[in-house]
Amino acid sequence: MITVQFTVRPGQGEASGFDMGDMSVTGDFGTVDSAGHVPDQGMMIYLSVVQLLDSLSDFLRGSTPVLSFTGADSSFSLVVRRSKNGLSVAGKDGVVARTTAPELAHAVMRAAEDLGRGLPPEDTVRSDWEAALAEFRPLVSGG
């Protein structure tokens, strides 16, 4: 079981594709979260999710054994590794989840779609956002 959540930090004024936010990934072995760290690990959340969708799409379609992701304007990182039994997802303190490619794709897609509801249609990041979602969507079962 894995859950992914992307959130926008409050108090930034009108919604923008450059808003700061946080990522959280929870699995059977714990949680890796960008919130609440010193120094701050928050990131430009919409740009980071586009980057995550793009890199995860390439990773899941390919055969590279390891994907290392770092949020935009952040030190927050995730590492996804292939194993005999699927995938592991880890933060700097170790593995938080063992999962399958379809389960990870579904969790990331759901979280991205939830976050995207807050992105204004006229925002300059919107076209990159929609392109990343369209590229990623076929990886999600039934998507």
N, C-alpha and C. Protein backbone atom coordinates (compact mmCIF):
# COMPACT_ATOMS: atom_id res chain seq x y z
N MET A 1 0.84 -1.18 0.00
CA MET A 1 0.00 0.00 0.00
C MET A 1 0.89 1.25 0.00
N ILE A 2 0.54 2.20 -0.85
CA ILE A 2 1.28 3.46 -0.92
C ILE A 2 0.28 4.59 -1.16
N THR A 3 0.50 5.69 -0.48
CA THR A 3 -0.29 6.89 -0.73
C THR A 3 0.67 8.05 -1.00
N VAL A 4 0.24 8.93 -1.88
CA VAL A 4 1.03 10.09 -2.26
C VAL A 4 0.14 11.31 -2.11
N GLN A 5 0.71 12.38 -1.57
CA GLN A 5 -0.05 13.62 -1.43
C GLN A 5 0.84 14.80 -1.80
N PHE A 6 0.26 15.71 -2.59
CA PHE A 6 0.92 16.96 -2.97
C PHE A 6 0.04 18.09 -2.43
N THR A 7 0.64 19.04 -1.72
CA THR A 7 -0.14 20.14 -1.14
C THR A 7 0.53 21.48 -1.42
N VAL A 8 -0.30 22.51 -1.52
CA VAL A 8 0.16 23.88 -1.68
C VAL A 8 0.17 24.50 -0.29
N ARG A 9 1.23 25.21 0.01
CA ARG A 9 1.30 25.90 1.30
C ARG A 9 0.36 27.11 1.29
N PRO A 10 -0.31 27.34 2.41
CA PRO A 10 -1.26 28.47 2.48
C PRO A 10 -0.53 29.81 2.55
N GLY A 11 -1.32 30.89 2.30
CA GLY A 11 -0.82 32.25 2.50
C GLY A 11 0.07 32.77 1.39
N GLN A 12 -0.07 32.25 0.16
CA GLN A 12 0.77 32.71 -0.94
C GLN A 12 0.03 33.63 -1.91
N GLY A 13 -1.18 34.01 -1.56
CA GLY A 13 -1.94 34.86 -2.47
C GLY A 13 -2.65 34.03 -3.52
N GLU A 14 -2.87 34.64 -4.68
CA GLU A 14 -3.56 33.95 -5.77
C GLU A 14 -2.76 32.73 -6.21
N ALA A 15 -3.48 31.65 -6.55
CA ALA A 15 -2.85 30.41 -6.97
C ALA A 15 -1.98 30.64 -8.20
N SER A 16 -0.82 29.97 -8.21
CA SER A 16 0.14 30.12 -9.30
C SER A 16 0.91 28.81 -9.48
N GLY A 17 1.33 28.57 -10.69
CA GLY A 17 2.14 27.40 -10.98
C GLY A 17 3.50 27.42 -10.30
N PHE A 18 3.84 28.56 -9.68
CA PHE A 18 5.12 28.67 -8.97
C PHE A 18 4.94 28.63 -7.45
N ASP A 19 3.75 28.25 -6.98
CA ASP A 19 3.49 28.15 -5.55
C ASP A 19 4.41 27.14 -4.89
N MET A 20 4.73 27.43 -3.64
CA MET A 20 5.51 26.49 -2.83
C MET A 20 4.55 25.47 -2.23
N GLY A 21 5.04 24.27 -2.05
CA GLY A 21 4.21 23.21 -1.49
C GLY A 21 5.06 22.06 -1.00
N ASP A 22 4.37 20.97 -0.69
CA ASP A 22 5.03 19.80 -0.11
C ASP A 22 4.57 18.51 -0.75
N MET A 23 5.45 17.50 -0.66
CA MET A 23 5.16 16.13 -1.09
C MET A 23 5.24 15.23 0.11
N SER A 24 4.36 14.23 0.11
CA SER A 24 4.38 13.23 1.16
C SER A 24 4.10 11.87 0.52
N VAL A 25 4.91 10.87 0.86
CA VAL A 25 4.71 9.51 0.40
C VAL A 25 4.69 8.62 1.62
N THR A 26 3.60 7.85 1.76
CA THR A 26 3.44 6.97 2.90
C THR A 26 3.27 5.54 2.43
N GLY A 27 3.98 4.64 3.09
CA GLY A 27 3.87 3.22 2.78
C GLY A 27 3.87 2.42 4.06
N ASP A 28 4.01 1.11 3.93
CA ASP A 28 3.98 0.21 5.08
C ASP A 28 5.15 0.40 6.04
N PHE A 29 6.20 1.08 5.59
CA PHE A 29 7.39 1.23 6.44
C PHE A 29 7.62 2.65 6.93
N GLY A 30 6.67 3.55 6.65
CA GLY A 30 6.82 4.92 7.13
C GLY A 30 6.39 5.96 6.13
N THR A 31 6.83 7.19 6.39
CA THR A 31 6.47 8.33 5.56
C THR A 31 7.71 9.16 5.28
N VAL A 32 7.81 9.64 4.06
CA VAL A 32 8.81 10.64 3.70
C VAL A 32 8.02 11.87 3.30
N ASP A 33 8.36 13.01 3.91
CA ASP A 33 7.56 14.22 3.77
C ASP A 33 8.49 15.42 3.70
N SER A 34 8.18 16.36 2.82
CA SER A 34 9.02 17.56 2.70
C SER A 34 8.69 18.62 3.74
N ALA A 35 7.56 18.51 4.39
CA ALA A 35 7.13 19.53 5.36
C ALA A 35 7.83 19.36 6.71
N GLY A 36 8.04 20.49 7.37
CA GLY A 36 8.51 20.47 8.75
C GLY A 36 9.99 20.25 8.96
N HIS A 37 10.80 20.52 7.99
CA HIS A 37 12.24 20.32 8.13
C HIS A 37 12.99 21.64 8.26
N VAL A 38 14.13 21.60 8.91
CA VAL A 38 15.05 22.72 8.96
C VAL A 38 16.39 22.19 8.47
N PRO A 39 16.93 22.71 7.37
CA PRO A 39 16.34 23.76 6.54
C PRO A 39 15.10 23.26 5.81
N ASP A 40 14.29 24.20 5.36
CA ASP A 40 13.03 23.93 4.70
C ASP A 40 13.24 23.08 3.44
N GLN A 41 12.38 22.06 3.25
CA GLN A 41 12.45 21.22 2.06
C GLN A 41 11.25 21.42 1.13
N GLY A 42 10.46 22.47 1.39
CA GLY A 42 9.35 22.78 0.50
C GLY A 42 9.87 23.04 -0.90
N MET A 43 8.98 22.94 -1.86
CA MET A 43 9.40 23.05 -3.26
C MET A 43 8.35 23.80 -4.07
N MET A 44 8.74 24.22 -5.26
CA MET A 44 7.76 24.75 -6.21
C MET A 44 6.94 23.53 -6.64
N ILE A 45 5.78 23.35 -6.02
CA ILE A 45 5.08 22.07 -6.08
C ILE A 45 4.59 21.70 -7.47
N TYR A 46 4.01 22.64 -8.20
CA TYR A 46 3.50 22.28 -9.53
C TYR A 46 4.64 21.90 -10.46
N LEU A 47 5.73 22.66 -10.44
CA LEU A 47 6.88 22.33 -11.28
C LEU A 47 7.51 21.01 -10.85
N SER A 48 7.53 20.75 -9.55
CA SER A 48 8.09 19.50 -9.04
C SER A 48 7.25 18.30 -9.46
N VAL A 49 5.94 18.45 -9.43
CA VAL A 49 5.08 17.34 -9.84
C VAL A 49 5.22 17.08 -11.33
N VAL A 50 5.32 18.12 -12.14
CA VAL A 50 5.58 17.93 -13.58
C VAL A 50 6.88 17.16 -13.76
N GLN A 51 7.91 17.56 -13.05
CA GLN A 51 9.21 16.88 -13.12
C GLN A 51 9.08 15.42 -12.67
N LEU A 52 8.35 15.16 -11.59
CA LEU A 52 8.16 13.80 -11.10
C LEU A 52 7.39 12.96 -12.12
N LEU A 53 6.31 13.50 -12.67
CA LEU A 53 5.54 12.77 -13.68
C LEU A 53 6.40 12.42 -14.88
N ASP A 54 7.17 13.38 -15.36
CA ASP A 54 8.03 13.13 -16.52
C ASP A 54 9.09 12.07 -16.24
N SER A 55 9.78 12.20 -15.12
CA SER A 55 10.85 11.25 -14.82
C SER A 55 10.30 9.87 -14.46
N LEU A 56 9.18 9.82 -13.74
CA LEU A 56 8.58 8.54 -13.39
C LEU A 56 8.01 7.84 -14.63
N SER A 57 7.48 8.62 -15.56
CA SER A 57 6.98 8.06 -16.82
C SER A 57 8.12 7.37 -17.57
N ASP A 58 9.24 8.05 -17.71
CA ASP A 58 10.40 7.46 -18.39
C ASP A 58 10.89 6.22 -17.65
N PHE A 59 10.95 6.30 -16.32
CA PHE A 59 11.43 5.19 -15.50
C PHE A 59 10.52 3.96 -15.65
N LEU A 60 9.22 4.15 -15.54
CA LEU A 60 8.30 3.02 -15.60
C LEU A 60 8.23 2.40 -16.99
N ARG A 61 8.48 3.18 -18.03
CA ARG A 61 8.47 2.66 -19.40
C ARG A 61 9.81 2.02 -19.78
N GLY A 62 10.84 2.33 -19.04
CA GLY A 62 12.18 1.85 -19.37
C GLY A 62 12.64 0.71 -18.50
N SER A 63 13.95 0.54 -18.44
CA SER A 63 14.52 -0.54 -17.64
C SER A 63 15.60 -0.06 -16.68
N THR A 64 15.73 1.26 -16.55
CA THR A 64 16.71 1.81 -15.62
C THR A 64 16.41 1.28 -14.22
N PRO A 65 17.43 0.85 -13.48
CA PRO A 65 17.16 0.25 -12.17
C PRO A 65 16.79 1.24 -11.07
N VAL A 66 17.20 2.51 -11.19
CA VAL A 66 16.99 3.47 -10.11
C VAL A 66 16.55 4.82 -10.68
N LEU A 67 15.56 5.41 -10.03
CA LEU A 67 15.15 6.78 -10.34
C LEU A 67 15.41 7.61 -9.10
N SER A 68 16.19 8.68 -9.26
CA SER A 68 16.43 9.64 -8.18
C SER A 68 15.72 10.93 -8.55
N PHE A 69 14.85 11.40 -7.67
CA PHE A 69 14.07 12.61 -7.90
C PHE A 69 14.37 13.62 -6.80
N THR A 70 14.58 14.87 -7.17
CA THR A 70 14.74 15.97 -6.22
C THR A 70 13.77 17.07 -6.63
N GLY A 71 13.00 17.57 -5.66
CA GLY A 71 12.02 18.61 -5.92
C GLY A 71 12.66 19.89 -6.44
N ALA A 72 11.88 20.66 -7.22
CA ALA A 72 12.36 21.93 -7.78
C ALA A 72 12.58 22.94 -6.67
N ASP A 73 13.80 23.49 -6.61
CA ASP A 73 14.17 24.49 -5.60
C ASP A 73 14.08 23.90 -4.19
N SER A 74 14.51 22.62 -4.04
CA SER A 74 14.39 21.91 -2.77
C SER A 74 15.51 20.89 -2.62
N SER A 75 15.72 20.45 -1.40
CA SER A 75 16.63 19.34 -1.16
C SER A 75 15.86 18.04 -0.92
N PHE A 76 14.52 18.10 -0.97
CA PHE A 76 13.69 16.91 -0.78
C PHE A 76 13.93 15.94 -1.92
N SER A 77 14.13 14.66 -1.56
CA SER A 77 14.39 13.67 -2.61
C SER A 77 13.67 12.36 -2.34
N LEU A 78 13.42 11.67 -3.43
CA LEU A 78 12.85 10.32 -3.41
C LEU A 78 13.72 9.44 -4.30
N VAL A 79 13.83 8.18 -3.94
CA VAL A 79 14.54 7.21 -4.76
C VAL A 79 13.60 6.03 -4.99
N VAL A 80 13.38 5.68 -6.25
CA VAL A 80 12.56 4.52 -6.62
C VAL A 80 13.50 3.50 -7.24
N ARG A 81 13.45 2.28 -6.71
CA ARG A 81 14.33 1.21 -7.19
C ARG A 81 13.50 0.02 -7.65
N ARG A 82 13.98 -0.59 -8.72
CA ARG A 82 13.37 -1.85 -9.17
C ARG A 82 13.93 -2.99 -8.34
N SER A 83 13.09 -3.98 -8.07
CA SER A 83 13.54 -5.21 -7.41
C SER A 83 12.82 -6.38 -8.08
N LYS A 84 13.13 -7.59 -7.65
CA LYS A 84 12.48 -8.77 -8.22
C LYS A 84 10.97 -8.72 -8.01
N ASN A 85 10.54 -8.15 -6.90
CA ASN A 85 9.13 -8.18 -6.54
C ASN A 85 8.40 -6.86 -6.79
N GLY A 86 8.98 -5.96 -7.55
CA GLY A 86 8.31 -4.69 -7.82
C GLY A 86 9.23 -3.51 -7.64
N LEU A 87 8.76 -2.53 -6.86
CA LEU A 87 9.50 -1.29 -6.65
C LEU A 87 9.61 -0.98 -5.17
N SER A 88 10.67 -0.27 -4.80
CA SER A 88 10.76 0.30 -3.46
C SER A 88 10.85 1.81 -3.61
N VAL A 89 10.26 2.52 -2.66
CA VAL A 89 10.30 3.98 -2.64
C VAL A 89 10.95 4.38 -1.33
N ALA A 90 11.96 5.24 -1.42
CA ALA A 90 12.72 5.62 -0.23
C ALA A 90 12.96 7.12 -0.19
N GLY A 91 13.12 7.61 1.03
CA GLY A 91 13.59 8.95 1.28
C GLY A 91 15.00 8.84 1.83
N LYS A 92 15.53 9.93 2.38
CA LYS A 92 16.91 9.90 2.86
C LYS A 92 17.10 8.97 4.06
N ASP A 93 16.01 8.67 4.79
CA ASP A 93 16.11 7.80 5.96
C ASP A 93 15.78 6.34 5.67
N GLY A 94 15.55 6.01 4.41
CA GLY A 94 15.32 4.61 4.06
C GLY A 94 13.99 4.36 3.37
N VAL A 95 13.73 3.09 3.12
CA VAL A 95 12.55 2.65 2.38
C VAL A 95 11.28 2.92 3.19
N VAL A 96 10.29 3.53 2.52
CA VAL A 96 8.99 3.75 3.16
C VAL A 96 7.91 2.86 2.55
N ALA A 97 8.15 2.34 1.33
CA ALA A 97 7.13 1.51 0.69
C ALA A 97 7.75 0.52 -0.27
N ARG A 98 7.13 -0.65 -0.34
CA ARG A 98 7.38 -1.60 -1.40
C ARG A 98 6.05 -1.71 -2.13
N THR A 99 6.11 -1.58 -3.45
CA THR A 99 4.89 -1.46 -4.22
C THR A 99 5.09 -2.01 -5.62
N THR A 100 4.06 -1.90 -6.43
CA THR A 100 4.14 -2.30 -7.83
C THR A 100 4.10 -1.04 -8.70
N ALA A 101 4.52 -1.18 -9.94
CA ALA A 101 4.47 -0.04 -10.86
C ALA A 101 3.05 0.48 -11.04
N PRO A 102 2.04 -0.39 -11.25
CA PRO A 102 0.68 0.14 -11.40
C PRO A 102 0.17 0.86 -10.14
N GLU A 103 0.49 0.32 -8.97
CA GLU A 103 0.03 0.95 -7.73
C GLU A 103 0.69 2.32 -7.53
N LEU A 104 1.98 2.42 -7.81
CA LEU A 104 2.68 3.69 -7.69
C LEU A 104 2.14 4.70 -8.71
N ALA A 105 1.95 4.25 -9.95
CA ALA A 105 1.43 5.15 -10.98
C ALA A 105 0.04 5.67 -10.59
N HIS A 106 -0.80 4.81 -10.08
CA HIS A 106 -2.15 5.23 -9.67
C HIS A 106 -2.09 6.24 -8.53
N ALA A 107 -1.26 5.99 -7.53
CA ALA A 107 -1.16 6.90 -6.38
C ALA A 107 -0.64 8.27 -6.79
N VAL A 108 0.37 8.30 -7.65
CA VAL A 108 0.93 9.57 -8.11
C VAL A 108 -0.07 10.31 -8.98
N MET A 109 -0.75 9.60 -9.87
CA MET A 109 -1.72 10.24 -10.76
C MET A 109 -2.88 10.85 -9.96
N ARG A 110 -3.40 10.10 -9.01
CA ARG A 110 -4.51 10.60 -8.19
C ARG A 110 -4.10 11.87 -7.45
N ALA A 111 -2.91 11.86 -6.86
CA ALA A 111 -2.43 13.03 -6.13
C ALA A 111 -2.21 14.22 -7.07
N ALA A 112 -1.69 13.96 -8.26
CA ALA A 112 -1.46 15.04 -9.23
C ALA A 112 -2.78 15.64 -9.70
N GLU A 113 -3.76 14.79 -9.98
CA GLU A 113 -5.06 15.30 -10.40
C GLU A 113 -5.71 16.13 -9.30
N ASP A 114 -5.59 15.68 -8.06
CA ASP A 114 -6.13 16.45 -6.93
C ASP A 114 -5.47 17.82 -6.84
N LEU A 115 -4.15 17.87 -6.94
CA LEU A 115 -3.42 19.13 -6.86
C LEU A 115 -3.78 20.05 -8.03
N GLY A 116 -3.93 19.48 -9.21
CA GLY A 116 -4.18 20.25 -10.42
C GLY A 116 -5.48 21.04 -10.40
N ARG A 117 -6.41 20.65 -9.56
CA ARG A 117 -7.67 21.38 -9.46
C ARG A 117 -7.46 22.82 -9.00
N GLY A 118 -6.33 23.08 -8.32
CA GLY A 118 -6.05 24.42 -7.81
C GLY A 118 -5.25 25.29 -8.76
N LEU A 119 -4.83 24.74 -9.89
CA LEU A 119 -4.01 25.50 -10.84
C LEU A 119 -4.92 26.26 -11.81
N PRO A 120 -4.82 27.58 -11.84
CA PRO A 120 -5.70 28.37 -12.73
C PRO A 120 -5.50 27.98 -14.19
N PRO A 121 -6.59 27.97 -14.97
CA PRO A 121 -6.50 27.56 -16.38
C PRO A 121 -5.58 28.45 -17.21
N GLU A 122 -5.45 29.71 -16.84
CA GLU A 122 -4.63 30.64 -17.62
C GLU A 122 -3.17 30.69 -17.17
N ASP A 123 -2.81 29.89 -16.16
CA ASP A 123 -1.45 29.92 -15.62
C ASP A 123 -0.44 29.44 -16.66
N THR A 124 0.75 30.04 -16.64
CA THR A 124 1.80 29.68 -17.60
C THR A 124 2.30 28.25 -17.45
N VAL A 125 2.13 27.66 -16.28
CA VAL A 125 2.58 26.28 -16.03
C VAL A 125 1.54 25.27 -16.54
N ARG A 126 0.32 25.72 -16.81
CA ARG A 126 -0.80 24.83 -17.16
C ARG A 126 -0.49 23.93 -18.35
N SER A 127 0.14 24.45 -19.40
CA SER A 127 0.40 23.61 -20.58
C SER A 127 1.39 22.48 -20.25
N ASP A 128 2.43 22.77 -19.48
CA ASP A 128 3.37 21.73 -19.06
C ASP A 128 2.66 20.71 -18.17
N TRP A 129 1.80 21.21 -17.29
CA TRP A 129 1.04 20.36 -16.36
C TRP A 129 0.18 19.37 -17.15
N GLU A 130 -0.59 19.90 -18.10
CA GLU A 130 -1.49 19.05 -18.88
C GLU A 130 -0.72 18.05 -19.74
N ALA A 131 0.40 18.47 -20.31
CA ALA A 131 1.23 17.57 -21.12
C ALA A 131 1.80 16.43 -20.28
N ALA A 132 2.26 16.75 -19.08
CA ALA A 132 2.81 15.72 -18.19
C ALA A 132 1.74 14.72 -17.78
N LEU A 133 0.54 15.21 -17.45
CA LEU A 133 -0.56 14.31 -17.09
C LEU A 133 -0.95 13.42 -18.27
N ALA A 134 -1.04 14.00 -19.46
CA ALA A 134 -1.42 13.22 -20.65
C ALA A 134 -0.39 12.13 -20.95
N GLU A 135 0.88 12.43 -20.77
CA GLU A 135 1.95 11.46 -21.01
C GLU A 135 1.92 10.34 -19.96
N PHE A 136 1.58 10.69 -18.73
CA PHE A 136 1.61 9.74 -17.62
C PHE A 136 0.36 8.86 -17.56
N ARG A 137 -0.77 9.41 -17.95
CA ARG A 137 -2.08 8.75 -17.79
C ARG A 137 -2.11 7.31 -18.33
N PRO A 138 -1.51 6.99 -19.49
CA PRO A 138 -1.56 5.61 -19.98
C PRO A 138 -0.89 4.59 -19.06
N LEU A 139 -0.05 5.04 -18.14
CA LEU A 139 0.61 4.12 -17.22
C LEU A 139 -0.32 3.66 -16.09
N VAL A 140 -1.43 4.36 -15.93
CA VAL A 140 -2.36 4.05 -14.85
C VAL A 140 -3.39 3.05 -15.37
N SER A 141 -3.55 1.93 -14.68
CA SER A 141 -4.52 0.92 -15.10
C SER A 141 -5.89 1.53 -15.28
N GLY A 142 -6.49 1.28 -16.40
CA GLY A 142 -7.82 1.80 -16.69
C GLY A 142 -7.81 3.28 -17.04
N GLY A 143 -6.61 3.91 -17.14
CA GLY A 143 -6.51 5.33 -17.38
C GLY A 143 -6.55 5.68 -18.81
